[in-house]
PDB file of N, CA and C in Angstrom:
ATOM      1  N   MET A   1       0.825  -1.189   0.000  1.00  0.00           N
ATOM      2  CA  MET A   1       0.000   0.000   0.000  1.00  0.00           C
ATOM      3  C   MET A   1       0.873   1.257   0.000  1.00  0.00           C
ATOM      4  N   GLU A   2       2.033   1.176   0.627  1.00  0.00           N
ATOM      5  CA  GLU A   2       2.918   2.337   0.675  1.00  0.00           C
ATOM      6  C   GLU A   2       3.375   2.745  -0.723  1.00  0.00           C
ATOM      7  N   ASP A   3       3.405   1.775  -1.655  1.00  0.00           N
ATOM      8  CA  ASP A   3       3.822   2.055  -3.025  1.00  0.00           C
ATOM      9  C   ASP A   3       2.659   2.483  -3.905  1.00  0.00           C
ATOM     10  N   GLY A   4       1.475   2.664  -3.349  1.00  0.00           N
ATOM     11  CA  GLY A   4       0.324   3.093  -4.133  1.00  0.00           C
ATOM     12  C   GLY A   4      -0.514   1.952  -4.668  1.00  0.00           C
ATOM     13  N   ASP A   5      -0.180   0.699  -4.348  1.00  0.00           N
ATOM     14  CA  ASP A   5      -0.953  -0.451  -4.806  1.00  0.00           C
ATOM     15  C   ASP A   5      -2.033  -0.753  -3.781  1.00  0.00           C
ATOM     16  N   HIS A   6      -3.272  -0.497  -4.144  1.00  0.00           N
ATOM     17  CA  HIS A   6      -4.392  -0.734  -3.235  1.00  0.00           C
ATOM     18  C   HIS A   6      -5.238  -1.915  -3.698  1.00  0.00           C
ATOM     19  N   SER A   7      -4.696  -2.796  -4.560  1.00  0.00           N
ATOM     20  CA  SER A   7      -5.467  -3.907  -5.105  1.00  0.00           C
ATOM     21  C   SER A   7      -5.914  -4.897  -4.026  1.00  0.00           C
ATOM     22  N   GLU A   8      -5.231  -4.945  -2.905  1.00  0.00           N
ATOM     23  CA  GLU A   8      -5.595  -5.868  -1.830  1.00  0.00           C
ATOM     24  C   GLU A   8      -6.491  -5.211  -0.777  1.00  0.00           C
ATOM     25  N   CYS A   9      -6.781  -3.935  -0.926  1.00  0.00           N
ATOM     26  CA  CYS A   9      -7.573  -3.212   0.068  1.00  0.00           C
ATOM     27  C   CYS A   9      -9.064  -3.456  -0.123  1.00  0.00           C
ATOM     28  N   SER A  10      -9.790  -3.536   0.981  1.00  0.00           N
ATOM     29  CA  SER A  10     -11.240  -3.604   0.892  1.00  0.00           C
ATOM     30  C   SER A  10     -11.781  -2.184   0.774  1.00  0.00           C
ATOM     31  N   ILE A  11     -13.047  -2.075   0.440  1.00  0.00           N
ATOM     32  CA  ILE A  11     -13.683  -0.768   0.282  1.00  0.00           C
ATOM     33  C   ILE A  11     -14.643  -0.567   1.438  1.00  0.00           C
ATOM     34  N   GLU A  12     -14.592   0.599   2.040  1.00  0.00           N
ATOM     35  CA  GLU A  12     -15.462   0.910   3.157  1.00  0.00           C
ATOM     36  C   GLU A  12     -16.035   2.302   2.943  1.00  0.00           C
ATOM     37  N   LEU A  13     -17.344   2.408   3.023  1.00  0.00           N
ATOM     38  CA  LEU A  13     -17.996   3.708   2.921  1.00  0.00           C
ATOM     39  C   LEU A  13     -18.356   4.176   4.320  1.00  0.00           C
ATOM     40  N   ILE A  14     -17.981   5.382   4.634  1.00  0.00           N
ATOM     41  CA  ILE A  14     -18.242   5.940   5.949  1.00  0.00           C
ATOM     42  C   ILE A  14     -19.090   7.192   5.771  1.00  0.00           C
ATOM     43  N   ALA A  15     -20.132   7.280   6.553  1.00  0.00           N
ATOM     44  CA  ALA A  15     -21.025   8.433   6.478  1.00  0.00           C
ATOM     45  C   ALA A  15     -20.331   9.683   7.011  1.00  0.00           C
ATOM     46  N   CYS A  16     -20.816  10.835   6.564  1.00  0.00           N
ATOM     47  CA  CYS A  16     -20.308  12.107   7.064  1.00  0.00           C
ATOM     48  C   CYS A  16     -20.698  12.264   8.540  1.00  0.00           C
ATOM     49  N   GLU A  17     -20.097  13.244   9.212  1.00  0.00           N
ATOM     50  CA  GLU A  17     -20.365  13.470  10.636  1.00  0.00           C
ATOM     51  C   GLU A  17     -21.867  13.624  10.909  1.00  0.00           C
ATOM     52  N   GLU A  18     -22.556  14.333  10.035  1.00  0.00           N
ATOM     53  CA  GLU A  18     -23.989  14.598  10.226  1.00  0.00           C
ATOM     54  C   GLU A  18     -24.814  13.309  10.247  1.00  0.00           C
ATOM     55  N   HIS A  19     -24.405  12.308   9.492  1.00  0.00           N
ATOM     56  CA  HIS A  19     -25.191  11.084   9.357  1.00  0.00           C
ATOM     57  C   HIS A  19     -24.529   9.851   9.983  1.00  0.00           C
ATOM     58  N   ARG A  20     -23.395  10.037  10.637  1.00  0.00           N
ATOM     59  CA  ARG A  20     -22.656   8.891  11.177  1.00  0.00           C
ATOM     60  C   ARG A  20     -23.447   8.126  12.224  1.00  0.00           C
ATOM     61  N   ASP A  21     -24.107   8.816  13.172  1.00  0.00           N
ATOM     62  CA  ASP A  21     -24.892   8.115  14.202  1.00  0.00           C
ATOM     63  C   ASP A  21     -25.998   7.281  13.572  1.00  0.00           C
ATOM     64  N   GLN A  22     -26.647   7.825  12.555  1.00  0.00           N
ATOM     65  CA  GLN A  22     -27.700   7.092  11.855  1.00  0.00           C
ATOM     66  C   GLN A  22     -27.126   5.831  11.195  1.00  0.00           C
ATOM     67  N   GLN A  23     -25.957   5.952  10.572  1.00  0.00           N
ATOM     68  CA  GLN A  23     -25.316   4.796   9.942  1.00  0.00           C
ATOM     69  C   GLN A  23     -24.956   3.751  10.992  1.00  0.00           C
ATOM     70  N   LEU A  24     -24.389   4.178  12.107  1.00  0.00           N
ATOM     71  CA  LEU A  24     -23.996   3.242  13.160  1.00  0.00           C
ATOM     72  C   LEU A  24     -25.203   2.513  13.746  1.00  0.00           C
ATOM     73  N   ARG A  25     -26.309   3.230  13.954  1.00  0.00           N
ATOM     74  CA  ARG A  25     -27.524   2.582  14.471  1.00  0.00           C
ATOM     75  C   ARG A  25     -28.018   1.529  13.475  1.00  0.00           C
ATOM     76  N   ALA A  26     -27.975   1.846  12.181  1.00  0.00           N
ATOM     77  CA  ALA A  26     -28.412   0.896  11.150  1.00  0.00           C
ATOM     78  C   ALA A  26     -27.532  -0.354  11.137  1.00  0.00           C
ATOM     79  N   MET A  27     -26.295  -0.210  11.584  1.00  0.00           N
ATOM     80  CA  MET A  27     -25.364  -1.339  11.630  1.00  0.00           C
ATOM     81  C   MET A  27     -25.439  -2.074  12.967  1.00  0.00           C
ATOM     82  N   GLY A  28     -26.299  -1.617  13.896  1.00  0.00           N
ATOM     83  CA  GLY A  28     -26.476  -2.295  15.170  1.00  0.00           C
ATOM     84  C   GLY A  28     -25.640  -1.756  16.310  1.00  0.00           C
ATOM     85  N   TYR A  29     -24.981  -0.613  16.121  1.00  0.00           N
ATOM     86  CA  TYR A  29     -24.176  -0.010  17.183  1.00  0.00           C
ATOM     87  C   TYR A  29     -24.977   1.071  17.885  1.00  0.00           C
ATOM     88  N   GLU A  30     -24.658   1.278  19.144  1.00  0.00           N
ATOM     89  CA  GLU A  30     -25.248   2.373  19.906  1.00  0.00           C
ATOM     90  C   GLU A  30     -24.427   3.630  19.673  1.00  0.00           C
ATOM     91  N   SER A  31     -25.031   4.777  19.759  1.00  0.00           N
ATOM     92  CA  SER A  31     -24.328   6.039  19.587  1.00  0.00           C
ATOM     93  C   SER A  31     -23.211   6.152  20.614  1.00  0.00           C
ATOM     94  N   GLY A  32     -21.997   6.470  20.158  1.00  0.00           N
ATOM     95  CA  GLY A  32     -20.844   6.619  21.033  1.00  0.00           C
ATOM     96  C   GLY A  32     -20.120   5.322  21.343  1.00  0.00           C
ATOM     97  N   GLN A  33     -20.660   4.177  20.910  1.00  0.00           N
ATOM     98  CA  GLN A  33     -20.020   2.884  21.160  1.00  0.00           C
ATOM     99  C   GLN A  33     -18.751   2.763  20.319  1.00  0.00           C
ATOM    100  N   ALA A  34     -17.683   2.245  20.927  1.00  0.00           N
ATOM    101  CA  ALA A  34     -16.426   2.051  20.198  1.00  0.00           C
ATOM    102  C   ALA A  34     -16.610   0.933  19.180  1.00  0.00           C
ATOM    103  N   ILE A  35     -16.063   1.147  18.005  1.00  0.00           N
ATOM    104  CA  ILE A  35     -16.183   0.162  16.930  1.00  0.00           C
ATOM    105  C   ILE A  35     -14.823  -0.470  16.696  1.00  0.00           C
ATOM    106  N   GLU A  36     -14.774  -1.777  16.799  1.00  0.00           N
ATOM    107  CA  GLU A  36     -13.543  -2.510  16.585  1.00  0.00           C
ATOM    108  C   GLU A  36     -13.389  -2.823  15.101  1.00  0.00           C
ATOM    109  N   PRO A  37     -12.174  -2.768  14.579  1.00  0.00           N
ATOM    110  CA  PRO A  37     -11.974  -3.160  13.182  1.00  0.00           C
ATOM    111  C   PRO A  37     -12.291  -4.640  13.010  1.00  0.00           C
ATOM    112  N   PRO A  38     -12.757  -5.037  11.827  1.00  0.00           N
ATOM    113  CA  PRO A  38     -13.105  -6.446  11.618  1.00  0.00           C
ATOM    114  C   PRO A  38     -11.868  -7.337  11.714  1.00  0.00           C
ATOM    115  N   ALA A  39     -12.082  -8.555  12.154  1.00  0.00           N
ATOM    116  CA  ALA A  39     -10.989  -9.529  12.234  1.00  0.00           C
ATOM    117  C   ALA A  39     -10.536  -9.879  10.826  1.00  0.00           C
ATOM    118  N   ALA A  40      -9.314 -10.331  10.682  1.00  0.00           N
ATOM    119  CA  ALA A  40      -8.748 -10.655   9.363  1.00  0.00           C
ATOM    120  C   ALA A  40      -9.584 -11.694   8.645  1.00  0.00           C
ATOM    121  N   GLU A  41     -10.080 -12.722   9.368  1.00  0.00           N
ATOM    122  CA  GLU A  41     -10.873 -13.749   8.697  1.00  0.00           C
ATOM    123  C   GLU A  41     -12.213 -13.194   8.215  1.00  0.00           C
ATOM    124  N   ALA A  42     -12.793 -12.211   8.911  1.00  0.00           N
ATOM    125  CA  ALA A  42     -14.026 -11.586   8.446  1.00  0.00           C
ATOM    126  C   ALA A  42     -13.747 -10.765   7.190  1.00  0.00           C
ATOM    127  N   GLU A  43     -12.618 -10.082   7.162  1.00  0.00           N
ATOM    128  CA  GLU A  43     -12.217  -9.307   5.986  1.00  0.00           C
ATOM    129  C   GLU A  43     -12.053 -10.214   4.778  1.00  0.00           C
ATOM    130  N   GLU A  44     -11.356 -11.341   4.962  1.00  0.00           N
ATOM    131  CA  GLU A  44     -11.113 -12.249   3.852  1.00  0.00           C
ATOM    132  C   GLU A  44     -12.402 -12.882   3.351  1.00  0.00           C
ATOM    133  N   SER A  45     -13.344 -13.167   4.235  1.00  0.00           N
ATOM    134  CA  SER A  45     -14.576 -13.826   3.824  1.00  0.00           C
ATOM    135  C   SER A  45     -15.415 -12.963   2.895  1.00  0.00           C
ATOM    136  N   SER A  46     -15.197 -11.653   2.904  1.00  0.00           N
ATOM    137  CA  SER A  46     -15.977 -10.779   2.045  1.00  0.00           C
ATOM    138  C   SER A  46     -15.330 -10.577   0.680  1.00  0.00           C
ATOM    139  N   MET A  47     -14.157 -11.157   0.465  1.00  0.00           N
ATOM    140  CA  MET A  47     -13.462 -11.011  -0.806  1.00  0.00           C
ATOM    141  C   MET A  47     -14.154 -11.849  -1.872  1.00  0.00           C
ATOM    142  N   PHE A  48     -13.928 -11.489  -3.124  1.00  0.00           N
ATOM    143  CA  PHE A  48     -14.468 -12.264  -4.235  1.00  0.00           C
ATOM    144  C   PHE A  48     -13.737 -13.589  -4.334  1.00  0.00           C
ATOM    145  N   LYS A  49     -14.474 -14.635  -4.668  1.00  0.00           N
ATOM    146  CA  LYS A  49     -13.880 -15.956  -4.802  1.00  0.00           C
ATOM    147  C   LYS A  49     -14.341 -16.574  -6.114  1.00  0.00           C
ATOM    148  N   GLY A  50     -13.455 -17.354  -6.734  1.00  0.00           N
ATOM    149  CA  GLY A  50     -13.780 -18.072  -7.952  1.00  0.00           C
ATOM    150  C   GLY A  50     -14.560 -19.325  -7.638  1.00  0.00           C
ATOM    151  N   GLU A  51     -14.935 -20.066  -8.681  1.00  0.00           N
ATOM    152  CA  GLU A  51     -15.679 -21.307  -8.494  1.00  0.00           C
ATOM    153  C   GLU A  51     -14.909 -22.305  -7.649  1.00  0.00           C
ATOM    154  N   ASP A  52     -13.585 -22.217  -7.678  1.00  0.00           N
ATOM    155  CA  ASP A  52     -12.739 -23.125  -6.906  1.00  0.00           C
ATOM    156  C   ASP A  52     -12.577 -22.684  -5.451  1.00  0.00           C
ATOM    157  N   GLY A  53     -13.181 -21.533  -5.086  1.00  0.00           N
ATOM    158  CA  GLY A  53     -13.104 -21.038  -3.719  1.00  0.00           C
ATOM    159  C   GLY A  53     -11.898 -20.172  -3.433  1.00  0.00           C
ATOM    160  N   ASN A  54     -10.997 -20.018  -4.402  1.00  0.00           N
ATOM    161  CA  ASN A  54      -9.815 -19.179  -4.205  1.00  0.00           C
ATOM    162  C   ASN A  54     -10.161 -17.714  -4.433  1.00  0.00           C
ATOM    163  N   GLN A  55      -9.478 -16.848  -3.698  1.00  0.00           N
ATOM    164  CA  GLN A  55      -9.704 -15.407  -3.788  1.00  0.00           C
ATOM    165  C   GLN A  55      -9.315 -14.892  -5.175  1.00  0.00           C
ATOM    166  N   THR A  56     -10.188 -14.074  -5.772  1.00  0.00           N
ATOM    167  CA  THR A  56      -9.902 -13.469  -7.070  1.00  0.00           C
ATOM    168  C   THR A  56      -9.742 -11.963  -6.918  1.00  0.00           C
ATOM    169  N   VAL A  57      -9.109 -11.341  -7.913  1.00  0.00           N
ATOM    170  CA  VAL A  57      -8.989  -9.881  -7.924  1.00  0.00           C
ATOM    171  C   VAL A  57      -9.895  -9.285  -8.993  1.00  0.00           C
ATOM    172  N   GLY A  58     -10.568 -10.125  -9.774  1.00  0.00           N
ATOM    173  CA  GLY A  58     -11.484  -9.636 -10.799  1.00  0.00           C
ATOM    174  C   GLY A  58     -11.785 -10.708 -11.826  1.00  0.00           C
ATOM    175  N   PHE A  59     -12.487 -10.304 -12.898  1.00  0.00           N
ATOM    176  CA  PHE A  59     -12.799 -11.232 -13.975  1.00  0.00           C
ATOM    177  C   PHE A  59     -12.972 -10.449 -15.263  1.00  0.00           C
ATOM    178  N   CYS A  60     -12.910 -11.156 -16.387  1.00  0.00           N
ATOM    179  CA  CYS A  60     -13.060 -10.528 -17.703  1.00  0.00           C
ATOM    180  C   CYS A  60     -14.538 -10.456 -18.057  1.00  0.00           C
ATOM    181  N   LEU A  61     -15.002  -9.279 -18.436  1.00  0.00           N
ATOM    182  CA  LEU A  61     -16.396  -9.120 -18.849  1.00  0.00           C
ATOM    183  C   LEU A  61     -16.671  -9.796 -20.185  1.00  0.00           C
ATOM    184  N   TRP A  62     -15.639 -10.055 -20.963  1.00  0.00           N
ATOM    185  CA  TRP A  62     -15.818 -10.698 -22.264  1.00  0.00           C
ATOM    186  C   TRP A  62     -15.940 -12.205 -22.116  1.00  0.00           C
ATOM    187  N   CYS A  63     -14.968 -12.839 -21.491  1.00  0.00           N
ATOM    188  CA  CYS A  63     -14.931 -14.308 -21.441  1.00  0.00           C
ATOM    189  C   CYS A  63     -15.262 -14.878 -20.060  1.00  0.00           C
ATOM    190  N   ASN A  64     -15.450 -14.013 -19.068  1.00  0.00           N
ATOM    191  CA  ASN A  64     -15.815 -14.409 -17.708  1.00  0.00           C
ATOM    192  C   ASN A  64     -14.712 -15.183 -16.993  1.00  0.00           C
ATOM    193  N   LYS A  65     -13.482 -15.046 -17.454  1.00  0.00           N
ATOM    194  CA  LYS A  65     -12.343 -15.709 -16.810  1.00  0.00           C
ATOM    195  C   LYS A  65     -12.023 -15.000 -15.492  1.00  0.00           C
ATOM    196  N   ASN A  66     -11.786 -15.779 -14.438  1.00  0.00           N
ATOM    197  CA  ASN A  66     -11.388 -15.223 -13.145  1.00  0.00           C
ATOM    198  C   ASN A  66      -9.901 -14.919 -13.149  1.00  0.00           C
ATOM    199  N   PHE A  67      -9.528 -13.840 -12.450  1.00  0.00           N
ATOM    200  CA  PHE A  67      -8.130 -13.472 -12.294  1.00  0.00           C
ATOM    201  C   PHE A  67      -7.763 -13.603 -10.820  1.00  0.00           C
ATOM    202  N   TYR A  68      -6.656 -14.296 -10.565  1.00  0.00           N
ATOM    203  CA  TYR A  68      -6.217 -14.538  -9.194  1.00  0.00           C
ATOM    204  C   TYR A  68      -5.063 -13.641  -8.783  1.00  0.00           C
ATOM    205  N   SER A  69      -4.551 -12.850  -9.716  1.00  0.00           N
ATOM    206  CA  SER A  69      -3.499 -11.888  -9.401  1.00  0.00           C
ATOM    207  C   SER A  69      -3.555 -10.767 -10.434  1.00  0.00           C
ATOM    208  N   MET A  70      -2.914  -9.658 -10.119  1.00  0.00           N
ATOM    209  CA  MET A  70      -2.864  -8.554 -11.079  1.00  0.00           C
ATOM    210  C   MET A  70      -2.017  -8.955 -12.286  1.00  0.00           C
ATOM    211  N   GLU A  71      -1.085  -9.876 -12.090  1.00  0.00           N
ATOM    212  CA  GLU A  71      -0.296 -10.367 -13.222  1.00  0.00           C
ATOM    213  C   GLU A  71      -1.195 -11.100 -14.219  1.00  0.00           C
ATOM    214  N   ASP A  72      -2.191 -11.871 -13.706  1.00  0.00           N
ATOM    215  CA  ASP A  72      -3.168 -12.537 -14.582  1.00  0.00           C
ATOM    216  C   ASP A  72      -3.934 -11.504 -15.403  1.00  0.00           C
ATOM    217  N   VAL A  73      -4.367 -10.433 -14.742  1.00  0.00           N
ATOM    218  CA  VAL A  73      -5.129  -9.379 -15.423  1.00  0.00           C
ATOM    219  C   VAL A  73      -4.278  -8.749 -16.522  1.00  0.00           C
ATOM    220  N   GLU A  74      -3.065  -8.373 -16.166  1.00  0.00           N
ATOM    221  CA  GLU A  74      -2.182  -7.711 -17.130  1.00  0.00           C
ATOM    222  C   GLU A  74      -1.871  -8.608 -18.319  1.00  0.00           C
ATOM    223  N   ALA A  75      -1.630  -9.908 -18.075  1.00  0.00           N
ATOM    224  CA  ALA A  75      -1.345 -10.836 -19.173  1.00  0.00           C
ATOM    225  C   ALA A  75      -2.567 -10.986 -20.081  1.00  0.00           C
ATOM    226  N   HIS A  76      -3.741 -11.055 -19.493  1.00  0.00           N
ATOM    227  CA  HIS A  76      -4.979 -11.213 -20.263  1.00  0.00           C
ATOM    228  C   HIS A  76      -5.279  -9.972 -21.113  1.00  0.00           C
ATOM    229  N   ASN A  77      -4.991  -8.806 -20.572  1.00  0.00           N
ATOM    230  CA  ASN A  77      -5.327  -7.550 -21.246  1.00  0.00           C
ATOM    231  C   ASN A  77      -4.224  -7.009 -22.157  1.00  0.00           C
ATOM    232  N   ALA A  78      -3.057  -7.636 -22.139  1.00  0.00           N
ATOM    233  CA  ALA A  78      -1.924  -7.147 -22.940  1.00  0.00           C
ATOM    234  C   ALA A  78      -2.225  -7.251 -24.437  1.00  0.00           C
ATOM    235  N   ASP A  79      -1.579  -6.411 -25.207  1.00  0.00           N
ATOM    236  CA  ASP A  79      -1.697  -6.416 -26.673  1.00  0.00           C
ATOM    237  C   ASP A  79      -3.149  -6.386 -27.134  1.00  0.00           C
ATOM    238  N   SER A  80      -3.898  -5.401 -26.641  1.00  0.00           N
ATOM    239  CA  SER A  80      -5.321  -5.232 -27.008  1.00  0.00           C
ATOM    240  C   SER A  80      -6.135  -6.491 -26.713  1.00  0.00           C
ATOM    241  N   MET A  81      -5.889  -7.087 -25.580  1.00  0.00           N
ATOM    242  CA  MET A  81      -6.612  -8.268 -25.102  1.00  0.00           C
ATOM    243  C   MET A  81      -6.446  -9.465 -26.039  1.00  0.00           C
ATOM    244  N   SER A  82      -5.265  -9.646 -26.593  1.00  0.00           N
ATOM    245  CA  SER A  82      -5.033 -10.745 -27.537  1.00  0.00           C
ATOM    246  C   SER A  82      -5.231 -12.126 -26.914  1.00  0.00           C
ATOM    247  N   ALA A  83      -5.123 -12.244 -25.595  1.00  0.00           N
ATOM    248  CA  ALA A  83      -5.322 -13.534 -24.931  1.00  0.00           C
ATOM    249  C   ALA A  83      -6.792 -13.857 -24.693  1.00  0.00           C
ATOM    250  N   CYS A  84      -7.690 -12.906 -24.929  1.00  0.00           N
ATOM    251  CA  CYS A  84      -9.122 -13.116 -24.702  1.00  0.00           C
ATOM    252  C   CYS A  84      -9.785 -13.515 -26.023  1.00  0.00           C
ATOM    253  N   GLU A  85     -10.085 -14.802 -26.153  1.00  0.00           N
ATOM    254  CA  GLU A  85     -10.661 -15.313 -27.396  1.00  0.00           C
ATOM    255  C   GLU A  85     -11.999 -14.660 -27.731  1.00  0.00           C
ATOM    256  N   VAL A  86     -12.849 -14.426 -26.739  1.00  0.00           N
ATOM    257  CA  VAL A  86     -14.165 -13.841 -26.990  1.00  0.00           C
ATOM    258  C   VAL A  86     -14.027 -12.407 -27.468  1.00  0.00           C
ATOM    259  N   SER A  87     -13.185 -11.631 -26.814  1.00  0.00           N
ATOM    260  CA  SER A  87     -12.955 -10.252 -27.228  1.00  0.00           C
ATOM    261  C   SER A  87     -12.419 -10.193 -28.655  1.00  0.00           C
ATOM    262  N   GLN A  88     -11.486 -11.070 -28.969  1.00  0.00           N
ATOM    263  CA  GLN A  88     -10.903 -11.086 -30.310  1.00  0.00           C
ATOM    264  C   GLN A  88     -11.933 -11.490 -31.360  1.00  0.00           C
ATOM    265  N   ALA A  89     -12.793 -12.456 -31.041  1.00  0.00           N
ATOM    266  CA  ALA A  89     -13.807 -12.915 -31.989  1.00  0.00           C
ATOM    267  C   ALA A  89     -14.851 -11.841 -32.275  1.00  0.00           C
ATOM    268  N   LEU A  90     -15.117 -10.984 -31.293  1.00  0.00           N
ATOM    269  CA  LEU A  90     -16.189  -9.990 -31.443  1.00  0.00           C
ATOM    270  C   LEU A  90     -15.682  -8.558 -31.618  1.00  0.00           C
ATOM    271  N   LYS A  91     -14.379  -8.356 -31.715  1.00  0.00           N
ATOM    272  CA  LYS A  91     -13.828  -7.005 -31.704  1.00  0.00           C
ATOM    273  C   LYS A  91     -14.305  -6.134 -32.853  1.00  0.00           C
ATOM    274  N   ASP A  92     -14.650  -6.696 -33.996  1.00  0.00           N
ATOM    275  CA  ASP A  92     -15.119  -5.906 -35.128  1.00  0.00           C
ATOM    276  C   ASP A  92     -16.635  -5.909 -35.272  1.00  0.00           C
ATOM    277  N   GLU A  93     -17.325  -6.519 -34.322  1.00  0.00           N
ATOM    278  CA  GLU A  93     -18.784  -6.667 -34.418  1.00  0.00           C
ATOM    279  C   GLU A  93     -19.568  -5.588 -33.668  1.00  0.00           C
ATOM    280  N   HIS A  94     -18.900  -4.722 -32.923  1.00  0.00           N
ATOM    281  CA  HIS A  94     -19.545  -3.632 -32.175  1.00  0.00           C
ATOM    282  C   HIS A  94     -20.519  -4.147 -31.107  1.00  0.00           C
ATOM    283  N   TYR A  95     -20.165  -5.253 -30.475  1.00  0.00           N
ATOM    284  CA  TYR A  95     -20.949  -5.782 -29.368  1.00  0.00           C
ATOM    285  C   TYR A  95     -20.350  -5.295 -28.059  1.00  0.00           C
ATOM    286  N   MET A  96     -21.197  -5.285 -27.035  1.00  0.00           N
ATOM    287  CA  MET A  96     -20.674  -5.055 -25.693  1.00  0.00           C
ATOM    288  C   MET A  96     -20.243  -6.405 -25.140  1.00  0.00           C
ATOM    289  N   PRO A  97     -19.442  -6.432 -24.077  1.00  0.00           N
ATOM    290  CA  PRO A  97     -19.027  -7.716 -23.501  1.00  0.00           C
ATOM    291  C   PRO A  97     -20.249  -8.568 -23.146  1.00  0.00           C
ATOM    292  N   PRO A  98     -20.245  -9.872 -23.480  1.00  0.00           N
ATOM    293  CA  PRO A  98     -21.400 -10.734 -23.224  1.00  0.00           C
ATOM    294  C   PRO A  98     -21.843 -10.755 -21.765  1.00  0.00           C
ATOM    295  N   VAL A  99     -20.901 -10.775 -20.829  1.00  0.00           N
ATOM    296  CA  VAL A  99     -21.279 -10.795 -19.410  1.00  0.00           C
ATOM    297  C   VAL A  99     -22.000  -9.501 -19.050  1.00  0.00           C
ATOM    298  N   LEU A 100     -21.511  -8.368 -19.549  1.00  0.00           N
ATOM    299  CA  LEU A 100     -22.158  -7.086 -19.282  1.00  0.00           C
ATOM    300  C   LEU A 100     -23.541  -7.038 -19.930  1.00  0.00           C
ATOM    301  N   GLN A 101     -23.669  -7.551 -21.153  1.00  0.00           N
ATOM    302  CA  GLN A 101     -24.966  -7.586 -21.821  1.00  0.00           C
ATOM    303  C   GLN A 101     -25.963  -8.407 -21.004  1.00  0.00           C
ATOM    304  N   MET A 102     -25.538  -9.583 -20.515  1.00  0.00           N
ATOM    305  CA  MET A 102     -26.420 -10.425 -19.708  1.00  0.00           C
ATOM    306  C   MET A 102     -26.856  -9.693 -18.443  1.00  0.00           C
ATOM    307  N   MET A 103     -25.917  -8.980 -17.803  1.00  0.00           N
ATOM    308  CA  MET A 103     -26.260  -8.231 -16.589  1.00  0.00           C
ATOM    309  C   MET A 103     -27.305  -7.161 -16.902  1.00  0.00           C
ATOM    310  N   PHE A 104     -27.114  -6.422 -17.995  1.00  0.00           N
ATOM    311  CA  PHE A 104     -28.065  -5.388 -18.395  1.00  0.00           C
ATOM    312  C   PHE A 104     -29.423  -5.988 -18.733  1.00  0.00           C
ATOM    313  N   GLU A 105     -29.441  -7.132 -19.418  1.00  0.00           N
ATOM    314  CA  GLU A 105     -30.700  -7.802 -19.733  1.00  0.00           C
ATOM    315  C   GLU A 105     -31.420  -8.238 -18.465  1.00  0.00           C
ATOM    316  N   ASN A 106     -30.673  -8.786 -17.511  1.00  0.00           N
ATOM    317  CA  ASN A 106     -31.269  -9.290 -16.270  1.00  0.00           C
ATOM    318  C   ASN A 106     -31.912  -8.197 -15.431  1.00  0.00           C
ATOM    319  N   VAL A 107     -31.414  -6.966 -15.528  1.00  0.00           N
ATOM    320  CA  VAL A 107     -32.015  -5.869 -14.754  1.00  0.00           C
ATOM    321  C   VAL A 107     -32.944  -5.017 -15.600  1.00  0.00           C
ATOM    322  N   GLY A 108     -33.202  -5.457 -16.844  1.00  0.00           N
ATOM    323  CA  GLY A 108     -34.174  -4.764 -17.689  1.00  0.00           C
ATOM    324  C   GLY A 108     -33.649  -3.561 -18.448  1.00  0.00           C
ATOM    325  N   LEU A 109     -32.331  -3.370 -18.495  1.00  0.00           N
ATOM    326  CA  LEU A 109     -31.779  -2.232 -19.227  1.00  0.00           C
ATOM    327  C   LEU A 109     -31.625  -2.528 -20.719  1.00  0.00           C
ATOM    328  N   LEU A 110     -31.708  -3.794 -21.104  1.00  0.00           N
ATOM    329  CA  LEU A 110     -31.677  -4.218 -22.502  1.00  0.00           C
ATOM    330  C   LEU A 110     -32.748  -5.274 -22.693  1.00  0.00           C
ATOM    331  N   PRO A 111     -33.340  -5.357 -23.885  1.00  0.00           N
ATOM    332  CA  PRO A 111     -34.306  -6.433 -24.135  1.00  0.00           C
ATOM    333  C   PRO A 111     -33.601  -7.791 -24.128  1.00  0.00           C
ATOM    334  N   LYS A 112     -34.308  -8.843 -23.698  1.00  0.00           N
ATOM    335  CA  LYS A 112     -33.720 -10.184 -23.579  1.00  0.00           C
ATOM    336  C   LYS A 112     -33.422 -10.823 -24.930  1.00  0.00           C
ATOM    337  N   ASP A 113     -33.957 -10.284 -26.035  1.00  0.00           N
ATOM    338  CA  ASP A 113     -33.797 -10.935 -27.326  1.00  0.00           C
ATOM    339  C   ASP A 113     -32.489 -10.628 -28.008  1.00  0.00           C
ATOM    340  N   GLY A 114     -31.564  -9.966 -27.352  1.00  0.00           N
ATOM    341  CA  GLY A 114     -30.265  -9.751 -27.960  1.00  0.00           C
ATOM    342  C   GLY A 114     -29.818  -8.321 -27.937  1.00  0.00           C
ATOM    343  N   ASN A 115     -28.799  -8.025 -28.689  1.00  0.00           N
ATOM    344  CA  ASN A 115     -28.146  -6.720 -28.694  1.00  0.00           C
ATOM    345  C   ASN A 115     -28.746  -5.841 -29.789  1.00  0.00           C
ATOM    346  N   ASP A 116     -29.783  -5.074 -29.442  1.00  0.00           N
ATOM    347  CA  ASP A 116     -30.460  -4.220 -30.413  1.00  0.00           C
ATOM    348  C   ASP A 116     -29.655  -2.995 -30.822  1.00  0.00           C
ATOM    349  N   ASP A 117     -28.588  -2.682 -30.086  1.00  0.00           N
ATOM    350  CA  ASP A 117     -27.813  -1.481 -30.424  1.00  0.00           C
ATOM    351  C   ASP A 117     -26.646  -1.813 -31.342  1.00  0.00           C
ATOM    352  N   LYS A 118     -26.639  -3.008 -31.921  1.00  0.00           N
ATOM    353  CA  LYS A 118     -25.585  -3.395 -32.855  1.00  0.00           C
ATOM    354  C   LYS A 118     -25.648  -2.499 -34.092  1.00  0.00           C
ATOM    355  N   GLU A 119     -24.486  -2.028 -34.541  1.00  0.00           N
ATOM    356  CA  GLU A 119     -24.439  -1.146 -35.697  1.00  0.00           C
ATOM    357  C   GLU A 119     -24.432  -1.950 -36.965  1.00  0.00           C
TER     358      GLU A 119
END
């Protein structure tokens, strides 16, 4: 972290002073109660995990491949994503990543019958 790499850091949203007591009550704390930082095992349990149960740092929206290190991400994305077969197959078709399209369809932002915004 001292070198600016925050890839292993968790994300925490903290309310402003005006709303902090309200946030703490919603989390089950009493106003003015000391809050202990979460234990390491609780922190790890909230991390993303692949199908194999190992901690991941992300995944490809094109091919849905899990990445277990930043080196995996960099290798996959190098040379205009040449290692991603799905991205390469669709790069001239003006499609959005299939995983992203499915997510948009599932929440109703795109029709389920396919990619209507194809050029």
